[in-house]
Amino acid sequence: MGDSCCASFSIGAIQKAIEEALPGTFVHSIATGSSMADDTFSGFYGSVNAQVGEACKIIASKPELQSGYNAIGFSQGGQFLRAVAERCNHNGPRMAKLVTLGSQHQGIMNVPECWNPSYNKTPAFPYCAGMQTLLGFGAYLPWIRSHLVQAQYFKDPYRLPAYLRHSPFLPDINNERPAKNETYRENLAGLEQLVLFRFANDVTVVPRDSAWFSFFNGQELVALKDQPIYQEDWIGLRALDNAGRLVFDEIPGGHMHFTLSWFQSNIIAPYLGGSADLNLVQAVNHTRWSR
């Protein structure tokens, strides 16, 4: 949201930092538009399923990635790259590690800063309940769910049957429908590591803990391990956890607020430095950080 793949002041600078820290590493930032303006616009408008399919083709076309690669997803880019792993790891270049920062793995349920008072001490703004109702009504209408990116991972806890029937993206990659895709589970469970960062003071992603696969069920925030997606291992998270390959970590501050020095110490060094034989793909949406 609001960023492009290669802007020198955002993802371009992150790419440069990785290349300088890991000399010889090939870094590719996925673009979902033909120009910077189109790429930025595609973070709001388009089919996420089509964008994921195009990302798989781009990755498969890069000779430098054929022996495997690590991936970093920023904000909504995180669940999009998870979809790449689930849908394409069995018949294309293999994603080894996936690191996501502030991603909406269990979707969003309201607009930024509209926390539900039942699990957040800060009272919601007066319009938040109204926004919840409007979003729940509109997000699953045919044109909106097919064209607006954020609607494709909007998960209304008060209209879950409508979400499961009509949402075109998130219920599929989370294997929430009765017919399970075993390939998704096998592909994600085959990762060397899945690293989930949340932002400590995130009020952009509602609920914040969607970054850790937590879900607000309408009454309380339910941790990953208390949900069927983990207990029945719909997408391989329990297998990763049992093998010690599922990591939960936290970033101080608000959504996508981090420095390059923090990124160097907490992402590049621990998660990429030992994988110099692998190259890197990164996906981005809605990045705000400072040097």
C-alpha atoms as a PDB file:
ATOM      1  CA  MET A   1       0.000   0.000   0.000  1.00  0.00           C
ATOM      2  CA  GLY A   2       1.471   3.286  -1.100  1.00  0.00           C
ATOM      3  CA  ASP A   3       4.909   2.011  -2.141  1.00  0.00           C
ATOM      4  CA  SER A   4       6.622   0.498  -5.161  1.00  0.00           C
ATOM      5  CA  CYS A   5       9.164  -2.240  -5.587  1.00  0.00           C
ATOM      6  CA  CYS A   6      12.269  -0.174  -6.191  1.00  0.00           C
ATOM      7  CA  ALA A   7      11.907   3.379  -4.885  1.00  0.00           C
ATOM      8  CA  SER A   8      15.317   4.634  -3.792  1.00  0.00           C
ATOM      9  CA  PHE A   9      13.916   6.043  -0.543  1.00  0.00           C
ATOM     10  CA  SER A  10      12.284   2.757   0.551  1.00  0.00           C
ATOM     11  CA  ILE A  11      12.686  -0.737  -0.872  1.00  0.00           C
ATOM     12  CA  GLY A  12      15.508   0.315  -3.159  1.00  0.00           C
ATOM     13  CA  ALA A  13      17.489   1.374  -0.098  1.00  0.00           C
ATOM     14  CA  ILE A  14      16.704  -1.917   1.641  1.00  0.00           C
ATOM     15  CA  GLN A  15      17.911  -3.808  -1.425  1.00  0.00           C
ATOM     16  CA  LYS A  16      21.135  -1.811  -1.417  1.00  0.00           C
ATOM     17  CA  ALA A  17      21.652  -2.520   2.297  1.00  0.00           C
ATOM     18  CA  ILE A  18      21.287  -6.271   1.733  1.00  0.00           C
ATOM     19  CA  GLU A  19      23.629  -6.259  -1.240  1.00  0.00           C
ATOM     20  CA  GLU A  20      26.255  -4.355   0.731  1.00  0.00           C
ATOM     21  CA  ALA A  21      25.932  -6.641   3.762  1.00  0.00           C
ATOM     22  CA  LEU A  22      25.966  -9.851   1.697  1.00  0.00           C
ATOM     23  CA  PRO A  23      28.267  -9.228  -1.291  1.00  0.00           C
ATOM     24  CA  GLY A  24      27.402 -11.313  -4.324  1.00  0.00           C
ATOM     25  CA  THR A  25      23.784 -11.897  -3.283  1.00  0.00           C
ATOM     26  CA  PHE A  26      21.236 -11.348  -6.044  1.00  0.00           C
ATOM     27  CA  VAL A  27      18.258  -9.370  -4.739  1.00  0.00           C
ATOM     28  CA  HIS A  28      15.053  -9.004  -6.745  1.00  0.00           C
ATOM     29  CA  SER A  29      12.117  -6.826  -5.647  1.00  0.00           C
ATOM     30  CA  ILE A  30       8.833  -7.993  -7.123  1.00  0.00           C
ATOM     31  CA  ALA A  31       6.873  -5.417  -9.103  1.00  0.00           C
ATOM     32  CA  THR A  32       3.174  -5.921  -9.804  1.00  0.00           C
ATOM     33  CA  GLY A  33       2.952  -2.962 -12.182  1.00  0.00           C
ATOM     34  CA  SER A  34       4.795  -1.888 -15.330  1.00  0.00           C
ATOM     35  CA  SER A  35       5.873   1.492 -13.930  1.00  0.00           C
ATOM     36  CA  MET A  36       6.437   2.988 -10.487  1.00  0.00           C
ATOM     37  CA  ALA A  37       2.989   4.570 -10.611  1.00  0.00           C
ATOM     38  CA  ASP A  38       1.336   1.330 -11.775  1.00  0.00           C
ATOM     39  CA  ASP A  39       3.239  -0.671  -9.181  1.00  0.00           C
ATOM     40  CA  THR A  40       2.068   1.638  -6.395  1.00  0.00           C
ATOM     41  CA  PHE A  41      -1.516   1.547  -7.687  1.00  0.00           C
ATOM     42  CA  SER A  42      -1.475  -2.274  -7.809  1.00  0.00           C
ATOM     43  CA  GLY A  43      -1.054  -2.306  -4.038  1.00  0.00           C
ATOM     44  CA  PHE A  44      -4.642  -1.084  -3.839  1.00  0.00           C
ATOM     45  CA  TYR A  45      -6.337  -2.287  -7.011  1.00  0.00           C
ATOM     46  CA  GLY A  46      -6.233  -5.643  -8.779  1.00  0.00           C
ATOM     47  CA  SER A  47      -6.567  -9.372  -8.205  1.00  0.00           C
ATOM     48  CA  VAL A  48      -4.206 -10.684  -5.523  1.00  0.00           C
ATOM     49  CA  ASN A  49      -4.479 -14.185  -6.993  1.00  0.00           C
ATOM     50  CA  ALA A  50      -3.334 -12.864 -10.365  1.00  0.00           C
ATOM     51  CA  GLN A  51      -0.504 -10.903  -8.732  1.00  0.00           C
ATOM     52  CA  VAL A  52       0.696 -13.999  -6.868  1.00  0.00           C
ATOM     53  CA  GLY A  53       0.579 -15.984 -10.090  1.00  0.00           C
ATOM     54  CA  GLU A  54       2.663 -13.336 -11.834  1.00  0.00           C
ATOM     55  CA  ALA A  55       5.143 -13.305  -8.945  1.00  0.00           C
ATOM     56  CA  CYS A  56       5.600 -17.077  -9.343  1.00  0.00           C
ATOM     57  CA  LYS A  57       6.340 -16.579 -13.049  1.00  0.00           C
ATOM     58  CA  ILE A  58       8.828 -13.781 -12.341  1.00  0.00           C
ATOM     59  CA  ILE A  59      10.674 -15.884  -9.776  1.00  0.00           C
ATOM     60  CA  ALA A  60      10.743 -18.884 -12.118  1.00  0.00           C
ATOM     61  CA  SER A  61      12.219 -16.712 -14.891  1.00  0.00           C
ATOM     62  CA  LYS A  62      15.266 -15.587 -12.867  1.00  0.00           C
ATOM     63  CA  PRO A  63      18.321 -17.827 -13.460  1.00  0.00           C
ATOM     64  CA  GLU A  64      19.844 -16.563 -10.198  1.00  0.00           C
ATOM     65  CA  LEU A  65      16.965 -18.024  -8.168  1.00  0.00           C
ATOM     66  CA  GLN A  66      16.832 -21.526  -9.598  1.00  0.00           C
ATOM     67  CA  SER A  67      18.833 -23.106  -6.772  1.00  0.00           C
ATOM     68  CA  GLY A  68      16.549 -21.588  -4.140  1.00  0.00           C
ATOM     69  CA  TYR A  69      15.973 -18.243  -2.476  1.00  0.00           C
ATOM     70  CA  ASN A  70      15.008 -16.498   0.747  1.00  0.00           C
ATOM     71  CA  ALA A  71      12.055 -14.100   0.775  1.00  0.00           C
ATOM     72  CA  ILE A  72      11.103 -11.043   2.831  1.00  0.00           C
ATOM     73  CA  GLY A  73       7.556  -9.685   2.817  1.00  0.00           C
ATOM     74  CA  PHE A  74       6.781  -6.209   4.093  1.00  0.00           C
ATOM     75  CA  SER A  75       3.229  -5.658   5.381  1.00  0.00           C
ATOM     76  CA  GLN A  76       0.699  -7.144   2.926  1.00  0.00           C
ATOM     77  CA  GLY A  77       3.615  -8.386   0.842  1.00  0.00           C
ATOM     78  CA  GLY A  78       4.124 -10.991   3.579  1.00  0.00           C
ATOM     79  CA  GLN A  79       0.905 -12.928   3.034  1.00  0.00           C
ATOM     80  CA  PHE A  80       1.344 -12.555  -0.724  1.00  0.00           C
ATOM     81  CA  LEU A  81       4.789 -14.203  -0.558  1.00  0.00           C
ATOM     82  CA  ARG A  82       3.358 -16.884   1.720  1.00  0.00           C
ATOM     83  CA  ALA A  83       0.889 -17.610  -1.065  1.00  0.00           C
ATOM     84  CA  VAL A  84       3.837 -17.880  -3.468  1.00  0.00           C
ATOM     85  CA  ALA A  85       5.429 -20.484  -1.197  1.00  0.00           C
ATOM     86  CA  GLU A  86       2.210 -22.469  -0.795  1.00  0.00           C
ATOM     87  CA  ARG A  87       1.212 -22.417  -4.443  1.00  0.00           C
ATOM     88  CA  CYS A  88       4.532 -22.597  -6.259  1.00  0.00           C
ATOM     89  CA  ASN A  89       7.232 -24.233  -4.120  1.00  0.00           C
ATOM     90  CA  HIS A  90       6.514 -27.723  -5.507  1.00  0.00           C
ATOM     91  CA  ASN A  91       6.954 -26.847  -9.186  1.00  0.00           C
ATOM     92  CA  GLY A  92       9.350 -23.893  -9.300  1.00  0.00           C
ATOM     93  CA  PRO A  93      12.397 -22.459  -7.544  1.00  0.00           C
ATOM     94  CA  ARG A  94      12.173 -23.342  -3.853  1.00  0.00           C
ATOM     95  CA  MET A  95      11.663 -20.664  -1.238  1.00  0.00           C
ATOM     96  CA  ALA A  96      13.914 -21.615   1.688  1.00  0.00           C
ATOM     97  CA  LYS A  97      13.139 -18.960   4.322  1.00  0.00           C
ATOM     98  CA  LEU A  98      10.268 -16.511   4.559  1.00  0.00           C
ATOM     99  CA  VAL A  99      10.484 -13.467   6.838  1.00  0.00           C
ATOM    100  CA  THR A 100       7.360 -11.304   7.171  1.00  0.00           C
ATOM    101  CA  LEU A 101       7.103  -7.907   8.878  1.00  0.00           C
ATOM    102  CA  GLY A 102       3.715  -6.723  10.134  1.00  0.00           C
ATOM    103  CA  SER A 103       1.820  -8.922   7.688  1.00  0.00           C
ATOM    104  CA  GLN A 104      -1.897  -9.668   7.864  1.00  0.00           C
ATOM    105  CA  HIS A 105      -1.799 -13.467   7.945  1.00  0.00           C
ATOM    106  CA  GLN A 106      -5.224 -13.701   9.561  1.00  0.00           C
ATOM    107  CA  GLY A 107      -6.542 -10.701   7.679  1.00  0.00           C
ATOM    108  CA  ILE A 108      -7.814  -7.358   8.906  1.00  0.00           C
ATOM    109  CA  MET A 109     -11.162  -6.625  10.532  1.00  0.00           C
ATOM    110  CA  ASN A 110     -11.352  -2.824  10.490  1.00  0.00           C
ATOM    111  CA  VAL A 111      -9.676   0.358   9.293  1.00  0.00           C
ATOM    112  CA  PRO A 112      -6.446   1.558  10.964  1.00  0.00           C
ATOM    113  CA  GLU A 113      -6.718   2.650  14.607  1.00  0.00           C
ATOM    114  CA  CYS A 114     -10.123   0.999  15.053  1.00  0.00           C
ATOM    115  CA  TRP A 115      -9.257  -1.452  17.792  1.00  0.00           C
ATOM    116  CA  ASN A 116     -12.124  -3.306  19.372  1.00  0.00           C
ATOM    117  CA  PRO A 117     -12.553  -2.152  22.992  1.00  0.00           C
ATOM    118  CA  SER A 118     -13.080  -5.730  24.165  1.00  0.00           C
ATOM    119  CA  TYR A 119      -9.426  -6.571  23.618  1.00  0.00           C
ATOM    120  CA  ASN A 120      -7.780  -3.160  23.558  1.00  0.00           C
ATOM    121  CA  LYS A 121      -7.671  -0.808  26.530  1.00  0.00           C
ATOM    122  CA  THR A 122      -7.872   2.281  24.321  1.00  0.00           C
ATOM    123  CA  PRO A 123     -11.502   3.158  23.508  1.00  0.00           C
ATOM    124  CA  ALA A 124     -12.333   2.860  19.823  1.00  0.00           C
ATOM    125  CA  PHE A 125     -13.191   6.018  17.946  1.00  0.00           C
ATOM    126  CA  PRO A 126     -16.972   6.574  17.738  1.00  0.00           C
ATOM    127  CA  TYR A 127     -17.072   5.763  14.027  1.00  0.00           C
ATOM    128  CA  CYS A 128     -15.319   2.395  14.362  1.00  0.00           C
ATOM    129  CA  ALA A 129     -18.436   0.314  14.973  1.00  0.00           C
ATOM    130  CA  GLY A 130     -20.059   1.918  11.942  1.00  0.00           C
ATOM    131  CA  MET A 131     -16.981   1.263   9.836  1.00  0.00           C
ATOM    132  CA  GLN A 132     -17.000  -2.382  10.930  1.00  0.00           C
ATOM    133  CA  THR A 133     -20.585  -2.748   9.725  1.00  0.00           C
ATOM    134  CA  LEU A 134     -19.962  -0.986   6.410  1.00  0.00           C
ATOM    135  CA  LEU A 135     -16.807  -2.957   5.676  1.00  0.00           C
ATOM    136  CA  GLY A 136     -18.497  -6.232   6.549  1.00  0.00           C
ATOM    137  CA  PHE A 137     -21.327  -5.440   4.181  1.00  0.00           C
ATOM    138  CA  GLY A 138     -19.224  -4.122   1.308  1.00  0.00           C
ATOM    139  CA  ALA A 139     -16.019  -6.164   1.297  1.00  0.00           C
ATOM    140  CA  TYR A 140     -17.632  -9.324  -0.045  1.00  0.00           C
ATOM    141  CA  LEU A 141     -19.697  -7.725  -2.822  1.00  0.00           C
ATOM    142  CA  PRO A 142     -18.624  -9.077  -6.240  1.00  0.00           C
ATOM    143  CA  TRP A 143     -16.888  -6.031  -7.731  1.00  0.00           C
ATOM    144  CA  ILE A 144     -15.175  -4.987  -4.491  1.00  0.00           C
ATOM    145  CA  ARG A 145     -13.851  -8.430  -3.603  1.00  0.00           C
ATOM    146  CA  SER A 146     -12.537  -8.869  -7.147  1.00  0.00           C
ATOM    147  CA  HIS A 147     -10.799  -5.507  -7.524  1.00  0.00           C
ATOM    148  CA  LEU A 148      -9.811  -3.981  -4.172  1.00  0.00           C
ATOM    149  CA  VAL A 149      -6.701  -5.622  -2.770  1.00  0.00           C
ATOM    150  CA  GLN A 150      -7.421  -5.045   0.930  1.00  0.00           C
ATOM    151  CA  ALA A 151     -10.934  -6.510   0.585  1.00  0.00           C
ATOM    152  CA  GLN A 152      -9.314  -9.772  -0.487  1.00  0.00           C
ATOM    153  CA  TYR A 153      -7.872 -10.298   2.987  1.00  0.00           C
ATOM    154  CA  PHE A 154     -10.649  -8.602   4.972  1.00  0.00           C
ATOM    155  CA  LYS A 155     -11.881 -11.114   7.575  1.00  0.00           C
ATOM    156  CA  ASP A 156     -15.026  -9.993   9.371  1.00  0.00           C
ATOM    157  CA  PRO A 157     -15.402 -12.036  12.583  1.00  0.00           C
ATOM    158  CA  TYR A 158     -19.121 -11.227  12.598  1.00  0.00           C
ATOM    159  CA  ARG A 159     -19.721 -12.491   9.033  1.00  0.00           C
ATOM    160  CA  LEU A 160     -17.471 -15.522   8.759  1.00  0.00           C
ATOM    161  CA  PRO A 161     -19.872 -17.524   6.517  1.00  0.00           C
ATOM    162  CA  ALA A 162     -19.830 -14.663   3.989  1.00  0.00           C
ATOM    163  CA  TYR A 163     -16.048 -14.452   4.256  1.00  0.00           C
ATOM    164  CA  LEU A 164     -15.612 -18.168   3.618  1.00  0.00           C
ATOM    165  CA  ARG A 165     -18.041 -18.176   0.693  1.00  0.00           C
ATOM    166  CA  HIS A 166     -16.976 -15.030  -1.079  1.00  0.00           C
ATOM    167  CA  SER A 167     -13.461 -13.881  -0.164  1.00  0.00           C
ATOM    168  CA  PRO A 168     -11.244 -14.912  -3.101  1.00  0.00           C
ATOM    169  CA  PHE A 169      -7.812 -15.010  -1.461  1.00  0.00           C
ATOM    170  CA  LEU A 170      -7.281 -15.375   2.302  1.00  0.00           C
ATOM    171  CA  PRO A 171      -9.609 -18.348   2.988  1.00  0.00           C
ATOM    172  CA  ASP A 172      -7.792 -20.208   0.235  1.00  0.00           C
ATOM    173  CA  ILE A 173      -4.197 -19.680   1.387  1.00  0.00           C
ATOM    174  CA  ASN A 174      -5.246 -20.339   5.003  1.00  0.00           C
ATOM    175  CA  ASN A 175      -7.000 -23.583   3.938  1.00  0.00           C
ATOM    176  CA  GLU A 176     -10.115 -22.543   5.839  1.00  0.00           C
ATOM    177  CA  ARG A 177     -12.686 -24.137   3.549  1.00  0.00           C
ATOM    178  CA  PRO A 178     -13.758 -27.770   4.081  1.00  0.00           C
ATOM    179  CA  ALA A 179     -11.752 -29.119   1.133  1.00  0.00           C
ATOM    180  CA  LYS A 180      -8.104 -28.776   2.175  1.00  0.00           C
ATOM    181  CA  ASN A 181      -5.264 -28.292  -0.279  1.00  0.00           C
ATOM    182  CA  GLU A 182      -2.589 -30.693   0.911  1.00  0.00           C
ATOM    183  CA  THR A 183      -0.011 -29.116  -1.405  1.00  0.00           C
ATOM    184  CA  TYR A 184      -0.273 -25.843   0.533  1.00  0.00           C
ATOM    185  CA  ARG A 185       0.477 -27.629   3.786  1.00  0.00           C
ATOM    186  CA  GLU A 186       3.387 -29.607   2.352  1.00  0.00           C
ATOM    187  CA  ASN A 187       4.938 -26.579   0.678  1.00  0.00           C
ATOM    188  CA  LEU A 188       4.806 -24.301   3.712  1.00  0.00           C
ATOM    189  CA  ALA A 189       5.897 -27.052   6.098  1.00  0.00           C
ATOM    190  CA  GLY A 190       8.894 -27.577   3.838  1.00  0.00           C
ATOM    191  CA  LEU A 191      10.329 -24.126   4.548  1.00  0.00           C
ATOM    192  CA  GLU A 192      13.616 -24.032   6.401  1.00  0.00           C
ATOM    193  CA  GLN A 193      12.215 -21.210   8.520  1.00  0.00           C
ATOM    194  CA  LEU A 194       9.134 -19.006   8.753  1.00  0.00           C
ATOM    195  CA  VAL A 195       9.787 -15.828  10.743  1.00  0.00           C
ATOM    196  CA  LEU A 196       6.811 -13.694  11.831  1.00  0.00           C
ATOM    197  CA  PHE A 197       7.526 -10.178  13.073  1.00  0.00           C
ATOM    198  CA  ARG A 198       4.800  -8.008  14.560  1.00  0.00           C
ATOM    199  CA  PHE A 199       5.143  -4.302  15.380  1.00  0.00           C
ATOM    200  CA  ALA A 200       4.696  -3.649  19.098  1.00  0.00           C
ATOM    201  CA  ASN A 201       2.650  -0.464  18.648  1.00  0.00           C
ATOM    202  CA  ASP A 202       0.924  -1.344  15.389  1.00  0.00           C
ATOM    203  CA  VAL A 203      -2.460   0.362  15.039  1.00  0.00           C
ATOM    204  CA  THR A 204      -2.493   0.182  11.234  1.00  0.00           C
ATOM    205  CA  VAL A 205      -3.159  -3.567  11.201  1.00  0.00           C
ATOM    206  CA  VAL A 206      -6.357  -4.425  13.094  1.00  0.00           C
ATOM    207  CA  PRO A 207      -5.853  -6.655  14.933  1.00  0.00           C
ATOM    208  CA  ARG A 208      -2.107  -6.158  15.350  1.00  0.00           C
ATOM    209  CA  ASP A 209      -1.544  -9.826  16.183  1.00  0.00           C
ATOM    210  CA  SER A 210      -2.697 -10.956  12.769  1.00  0.00           C
ATOM    211  CA  ALA A 211       1.049 -10.729  12.087  1.00  0.00           C
ATOM    212  CA  TRP A 212       1.396 -13.755  14.439  1.00  0.00           C
ATOM    213  CA  PHE A 213      -1.664 -15.547  12.981  1.00  0.00           C
ATOM    214  CA  SER A 214      -3.853 -14.530  15.926  1.00  0.00           C
ATOM    215  CA  PHE A 215      -7.537 -13.992  15.185  1.00  0.00           C
ATOM    216  CA  PHE A 216     -10.251 -11.952  16.890  1.00  0.00           C
ATOM    217  CA  ASN A 217     -13.335 -14.196  16.964  1.00  0.00           C
ATOM    218  CA  GLY A 218     -15.832 -11.486  17.884  1.00  0.00           C
ATOM    219  CA  GLN A 219     -15.262 -11.803  21.624  1.00  0.00           C
ATOM    220  CA  GLU A 220     -11.560 -12.291  22.252  1.00  0.00           C
ATOM    221  CA  LEU A 221      -8.194 -12.495  20.557  1.00  0.00           C
ATOM    222  CA  VAL A 222      -7.338 -16.146  19.926  1.00  0.00           C
ATOM    223  CA  ALA A 223      -3.666 -17.100  19.720  1.00  0.00           C
ATOM    224  CA  LEU A 224      -2.465 -19.265  16.840  1.00  0.00           C
ATOM    225  CA  LYS A 225      -2.000 -22.421  18.923  1.00  0.00           C
ATOM    226  CA  ASP A 226      -5.640 -22.281  20.074  1.00  0.00           C
ATOM    227  CA  GLN A 227      -7.019 -22.293  16.528  1.00  0.00           C
ATOM    228  CA  PRO A 228      -7.845 -25.184  14.174  1.00  0.00           C
ATOM    229  CA  ILE A 229      -5.429 -23.811  11.560  1.00  0.00           C
ATOM    230  CA  TYR A 230      -2.648 -24.843  13.979  1.00  0.00           C
ATOM    231  CA  GLN A 231      -4.244 -27.738  15.864  1.00  0.00           C
ATOM    232  CA  GLU A 232      -5.289 -29.514  12.646  1.00  0.00           C
ATOM    233  CA  ASP A 233      -2.233 -28.200  10.793  1.00  0.00           C
ATOM    234  CA  TRP A 234      -4.115 -26.852   7.793  1.00  0.00           C
ATOM    235  CA  ILE A 235      -1.083 -25.133   6.247  1.00  0.00           C
ATOM    236  CA  GLY A 236       1.912 -26.682   8.018  1.00  0.00           C
ATOM    237  CA  LEU A 237       2.402 -24.215  10.865  1.00  0.00           C
ATOM    238  CA  ARG A 238       2.317 -26.884  13.575  1.00  0.00           C
ATOM    239  CA  ALA A 239       4.843 -28.986  11.657  1.00  0.00           C
ATOM    240  CA  LEU A 240       7.140 -25.980  11.382  1.00  0.00           C
ATOM    241  CA  ASP A 241       6.705 -25.196  15.071  1.00  0.00           C
ATOM    242  CA  ASN A 242       7.374 -28.765  16.179  1.00  0.00           C
ATOM    243  CA  ALA A 243      10.570 -28.739  14.138  1.00  0.00           C
ATOM    244  CA  GLY A 244      11.713 -25.459  15.689  1.00  0.00           C
ATOM    245  CA  ARG A 245      11.377 -23.630  12.376  1.00  0.00           C
ATOM    246  CA  LEU A 246       8.557 -21.206  13.288  1.00  0.00           C
ATOM    247  CA  VAL A 247       9.776 -17.957  14.869  1.00  0.00           C
ATOM    248  CA  PHE A 248       7.734 -15.184  16.512  1.00  0.00           C
ATOM    249  CA  ASP A 249       9.494 -11.870  17.046  1.00  0.00           C
ATOM    250  CA  GLU A 250       8.615  -8.228  17.659  1.00  0.00           C
ATOM    251  CA  ILE A 251       9.726  -4.856  16.316  1.00  0.00           C
ATOM    252  CA  PRO A 252       9.485  -1.770  18.554  1.00  0.00           C
ATOM    253  CA  GLY A 253       7.247   1.046  17.324  1.00  0.00           C
ATOM    254  CA  GLY A 254       4.454   1.471  14.817  1.00  0.00           C
ATOM    255  CA  HIS A 255       3.630  -0.277  11.581  1.00  0.00           C
ATOM    256  CA  MET A 256       6.617  -0.441   9.208  1.00  0.00           C
ATOM    257  CA  HIS A 257       8.653   1.945  11.368  1.00  0.00           C
ATOM    258  CA  PHE A 258      12.213   0.673  11.507  1.00  0.00           C
ATOM    259  CA  THR A 259      15.707   1.863  10.708  1.00  0.00           C
ATOM    260  CA  LEU A 260      18.214   0.392   8.302  1.00  0.00           C
ATOM    261  CA  SER A 261      20.562  -0.295  11.220  1.00  0.00           C
ATOM    262  CA  TRP A 262      17.780  -2.261  12.966  1.00  0.00           C
ATOM    263  CA  PHE A 263      17.131  -4.176   9.734  1.00  0.00           C
ATOM    264  CA  GLN A 264      20.823  -5.000   9.419  1.00  0.00           C
ATOM    265  CA  SER A 265      21.083  -6.317  12.980  1.00  0.00           C
ATOM    266  CA  ASN A 266      17.734  -8.090  13.261  1.00  0.00           C
ATOM    267  CA  ILE A 267      16.948  -9.354   9.759  1.00  0.00           C
ATOM    268  CA  ILE A 268      20.053  -9.560   7.602  1.00  0.00           C
ATOM    269  CA  ALA A 269      22.491 -10.842  10.214  1.00  0.00           C
ATOM    270  CA  PRO A 270      20.385 -13.536  11.937  1.00  0.00           C
ATOM    271  CA  TYR A 271      18.206 -14.722   9.056  1.00  0.00           C
ATOM    272  CA  LEU A 272      20.131 -14.055   5.838  1.00  0.00           C
ATOM    273  CA  GLY A 273      23.790 -14.048   6.837  1.00  0.00           C
ATOM    274  CA  GLY A 274      23.974 -17.826   7.088  1.00  0.00           C
ATOM    275  CA  SER A 275      22.360 -18.333   3.707  1.00  0.00           C
ATOM    276  CA  ALA A 276      24.830 -16.616   1.425  1.00  0.00           C
ATOM    277  CA  ASP A 277      24.426 -19.427  -1.114  1.00  0.00           C
ATOM    278  CA  LEU A 278      20.799 -18.425  -1.603  1.00  0.00           C
ATOM    279  CA  ASN A 279      19.527 -15.299  -3.268  1.00  0.00           C
ATOM    280  CA  LEU A 280      16.638 -13.106  -2.223  1.00  0.00           C
ATOM    281  CA  VAL A 281      13.186 -12.009  -3.298  1.00  0.00           C
ATOM    282  CA  GLN A 282      11.327  -9.253  -1.494  1.00  0.00           C
ATOM    283  CA  ALA A 283       7.776  -8.001  -1.751  1.00  0.00           C
ATOM    284  CA  VAL A 284       6.588  -4.719  -0.324  1.00  0.00           C
ATOM    285  CA  ASN A 285       3.462  -2.808   0.458  1.00  0.00           C
ATOM    286  CA  HIS A 286       2.986   0.200   2.739  1.00  0.00           C
ATOM    287  CA  THR A 287       6.521   0.822   3.978  1.00  0.00           C
ATOM    288  CA  ARG A 288       7.397   3.690   6.327  1.00  0.00           C
ATOM    289  CA  TRP A 289      10.789   3.603   7.909  1.00  0.00           C
ATOM    290  CA  SER A 290      13.700   5.898   8.592  1.00  0.00           C
ATOM    291  CA  ARG A 291      17.439   5.718   8.167  1.00  0.00           C
END
